[in-house]
Amino acid sequence: MKSSSKQRLRGFTLIELIITLVILGILSVTAVPKFLGSSTEDAYSYRDSALNALRTVQLRAMQNTALRSCHKLYITPTLIAPPTPDTCTGSADANNSEHLVVQINTQRSDITFNALDSNANTFTEISFDPLGRADQNCASQCKIDIGLAAICISGEGLIYACP
């Protein structure tokens, strides 16, 4: 017995597969990181802000443009900030008006600041001399870890993003 009707197997055409892959690629690049959150992006953002604060304080120390002689930043696990304006004592002032405050949003991120000197000892404040060198033991390098990013400070005072 012969069947006179032929069954046709249908599948996707090459064009349909390519269009589907392109749409999935666009979604994976744009939408997925927004839903999952990206601690890497947060780390780089906090690193860039902290780099700005450190370099500003260092330049003020080198140029002595500030009216006070205090060129210091305090470093806690969730905050990098100068002391209260016009003083060089106390602790970090999160309400400092000099735009040098870098504060981690702990409700949104699990990133913390961790500052280590050349001997791998933790430090909580850093200041700079008139030559731009850090007052910490940064003979070879000090490092401030920020999640997956980091800031390095060389013995000569070079402040840069490091791995």
Protein backbone atom coordinates (compact mmCIF):
# COMPACT_ATOMS: atom_id res chain seq x y z
CA MET A 1 0.00 0.00 0.00
CA LYS A 2 1.45 3.24 -1.10
CA SER A 3 0.56 6.53 0.40
CA SER A 4 0.00 9.15 -2.19
CA SER A 5 0.38 12.08 0.18
CA LYS A 6 3.84 13.18 1.13
CA GLN A 7 4.55 14.53 4.55
CA ARG A 8 6.69 17.65 4.59
CA LEU A 9 8.89 18.27 7.55
CA ARG A 10 8.88 21.94 8.42
CA GLY A 11 11.53 23.73 10.44
CA PHE A 12 12.92 27.18 10.91
CA THR A 13 14.57 28.92 8.03
CA LEU A 14 18.06 30.29 8.36
CA ILE A 15 16.73 33.87 8.31
CA GLU A 16 14.36 33.16 11.21
CA LEU A 17 17.18 31.64 13.28
CA ILE A 18 19.51 34.58 12.64
CA ILE A 19 16.84 37.14 13.56
CA THR A 20 16.07 35.22 16.78
CA LEU A 21 19.76 35.12 17.72
CA VAL A 22 20.17 38.84 17.05
CA ILE A 23 17.18 39.69 19.26
CA LEU A 24 18.45 37.42 22.05
CA GLY A 25 21.90 39.01 21.79
CA ILE A 26 20.51 42.53 22.09
CA LEU A 27 18.40 41.54 25.10
CA SER A 28 21.33 39.85 26.84
CA VAL A 29 23.53 42.91 26.46
CA THR A 30 20.99 45.56 27.45
CA ALA A 31 18.21 44.15 29.60
CA VAL A 32 19.70 41.29 31.62
CA PRO A 33 22.35 43.34 33.52
CA LYS A 34 19.67 45.81 34.61
CA PHE A 35 17.59 43.03 36.17
CA LEU A 36 20.44 41.07 37.71
CA GLY A 37 22.42 44.09 38.94
CA SER A 38 26.07 44.48 38.22
CA SER A 39 28.48 44.66 41.13
CA THR A 40 31.30 45.15 38.63
CA GLU A 41 29.75 48.37 37.33
CA ASP A 42 29.15 49.54 40.90
CA ALA A 43 32.76 48.78 41.84
CA TYR A 44 34.11 50.76 38.88
CA SER A 45 31.80 53.67 39.63
CA TYR A 46 32.89 53.82 43.29
CA ARG A 47 36.53 53.44 42.22
CA ASP A 48 36.28 56.39 39.84
CA SER A 49 34.66 58.57 42.51
CA ALA A 50 37.29 57.58 45.08
CA LEU A 51 40.09 58.27 42.55
CA ASN A 52 38.68 61.75 42.05
CA ALA A 53 38.54 62.42 45.81
CA LEU A 54 42.09 61.13 46.42
CA ARG A 55 43.58 63.09 43.52
CA THR A 56 41.77 66.28 44.58
CA VAL A 57 43.08 66.05 48.14
CA GLN A 58 46.58 65.25 46.82
CA LEU A 59 46.53 68.27 44.46
CA ARG A 60 45.36 70.54 47.27
CA ALA A 61 48.27 69.33 49.37
CA MET A 62 50.72 69.96 46.54
CA GLN A 63 49.34 73.39 45.65
CA ASN A 64 48.25 74.27 49.17
CA THR A 65 45.16 75.92 47.69
CA ALA A 66 42.94 75.19 50.67
CA LEU A 67 42.85 77.69 53.50
CA ARG A 68 43.64 74.95 55.98
CA SER A 69 46.66 72.68 56.08
CA CYS A 70 44.64 69.47 56.48
CA HIS A 71 44.81 67.31 53.36
CA LYS A 72 43.27 64.11 54.67
CA LEU A 73 40.65 61.52 53.80
CA TYR A 74 39.18 58.96 56.17
CA ILE A 75 38.46 55.47 54.87
CA THR A 76 35.82 53.22 56.42
CA PRO A 77 34.26 50.09 54.89
CA THR A 78 31.39 52.16 53.43
CA LEU A 79 32.75 55.72 53.27
CA ILE A 80 35.67 57.79 52.00
CA ALA A 81 35.39 61.38 53.19
CA PRO A 82 37.41 64.31 54.54
CA PRO A 83 36.97 65.57 58.09
CA THR A 84 34.59 68.35 58.98
CA PRO A 85 35.63 71.52 57.11
CA ASP A 86 38.05 73.81 58.95
CA THR A 87 39.18 71.00 61.26
CA CYS A 88 41.63 68.19 60.92
CA THR A 89 40.38 66.10 63.81
CA GLY A 90 37.51 63.76 64.42
CA SER A 91 36.36 61.32 61.81
CA ALA A 92 34.92 61.22 58.31
CA ASP A 93 32.19 63.77 57.69
CA ALA A 94 29.58 62.24 55.38
CA ASN A 95 27.89 65.64 55.10
CA ASN A 96 31.06 67.42 53.97
CA SER A 97 30.24 70.12 51.45
CA GLU A 98 33.44 69.77 49.43
CA HIS A 99 32.07 67.04 47.12
CA LEU A 100 34.78 64.64 48.18
CA VAL A 101 32.47 62.15 49.88
CA VAL A 102 32.19 58.65 48.39
CA GLN A 103 29.55 56.64 50.22
CA ILE A 104 28.49 53.12 49.32
CA ASN A 105 24.78 52.42 49.21
CA THR A 106 24.73 49.33 51.44
CA GLN A 107 21.12 48.50 50.58
CA ARG A 108 21.98 48.11 46.92
CA SER A 109 25.54 46.83 46.98
CA ASP A 110 27.76 44.50 48.96
CA ILE A 111 30.95 46.37 47.99
CA THR A 112 33.25 47.70 50.73
CA PHE A 113 36.42 49.80 50.90
CA ASN A 114 39.51 48.05 52.28
CA ALA A 115 42.75 50.06 52.48
CA LEU A 116 46.08 48.21 52.81
CA ASP A 117 49.61 49.62 53.08
CA SER A 118 52.82 48.07 51.74
CA ASN A 119 52.95 45.59 54.64
CA ALA A 120 49.31 44.52 54.10
CA ASN A 121 48.20 46.37 57.25
CA THR A 122 44.83 48.09 57.19
CA PHE A 123 44.73 51.88 57.47
CA THR A 124 41.75 54.20 57.99
CA GLU A 125 43.08 57.62 57.00
CA ILE A 126 45.39 58.98 54.38
CA SER A 127 46.94 62.40 53.97
CA PHE A 128 49.48 63.86 51.60
CA ASP A 129 52.61 65.95 52.01
CA PRO A 130 53.50 68.98 49.80
CA LEU A 131 55.19 66.62 47.31
CA GLY A 132 52.00 64.57 46.91
CA ARG A 133 53.28 61.50 48.73
CA ALA A 134 50.97 59.59 51.05
CA ASP A 135 51.80 59.60 54.75
CA GLN A 136 51.13 55.87 54.96
CA ASN A 137 53.71 53.14 54.52
CA CYS A 138 53.39 53.12 50.75
CA ALA A 139 57.05 52.40 50.05
CA SER A 140 56.15 49.97 47.31
CA GLN A 141 52.40 50.48 47.00
CA CYS A 142 49.24 51.12 49.02
CA LYS A 143 46.01 49.65 47.74
CA ILE A 144 42.36 50.42 48.33
CA ASP A 145 40.23 47.45 47.29
CA ILE A 146 36.72 48.26 46.11
CA GLY A 147 34.97 45.02 45.27
CA LEU A 148 36.33 43.89 41.91
CA ALA A 149 38.20 47.17 41.34
CA ALA A 150 41.09 48.79 43.19
CA ILE A 151 43.11 51.99 43.58
CA CYS A 152 46.88 51.89 43.98
CA ILE A 153 49.10 54.61 45.44
CA SER A 154 52.82 54.35 44.74
CA GLY A 155 55.58 55.50 47.07
CA GLU A 156 56.12 58.57 44.88
CA GLY A 157 52.44 59.53 45.13
CA LEU A 158 51.09 58.25 41.83
CA ILE A 159 47.39 57.41 42.26
CA TYR A 160 45.96 55.08 39.63
CA ALA A 161 43.36 52.39 38.98
CA CYS A 162 44.94 48.97 39.35
CA PRO A 163 43.76 45.38 38.97
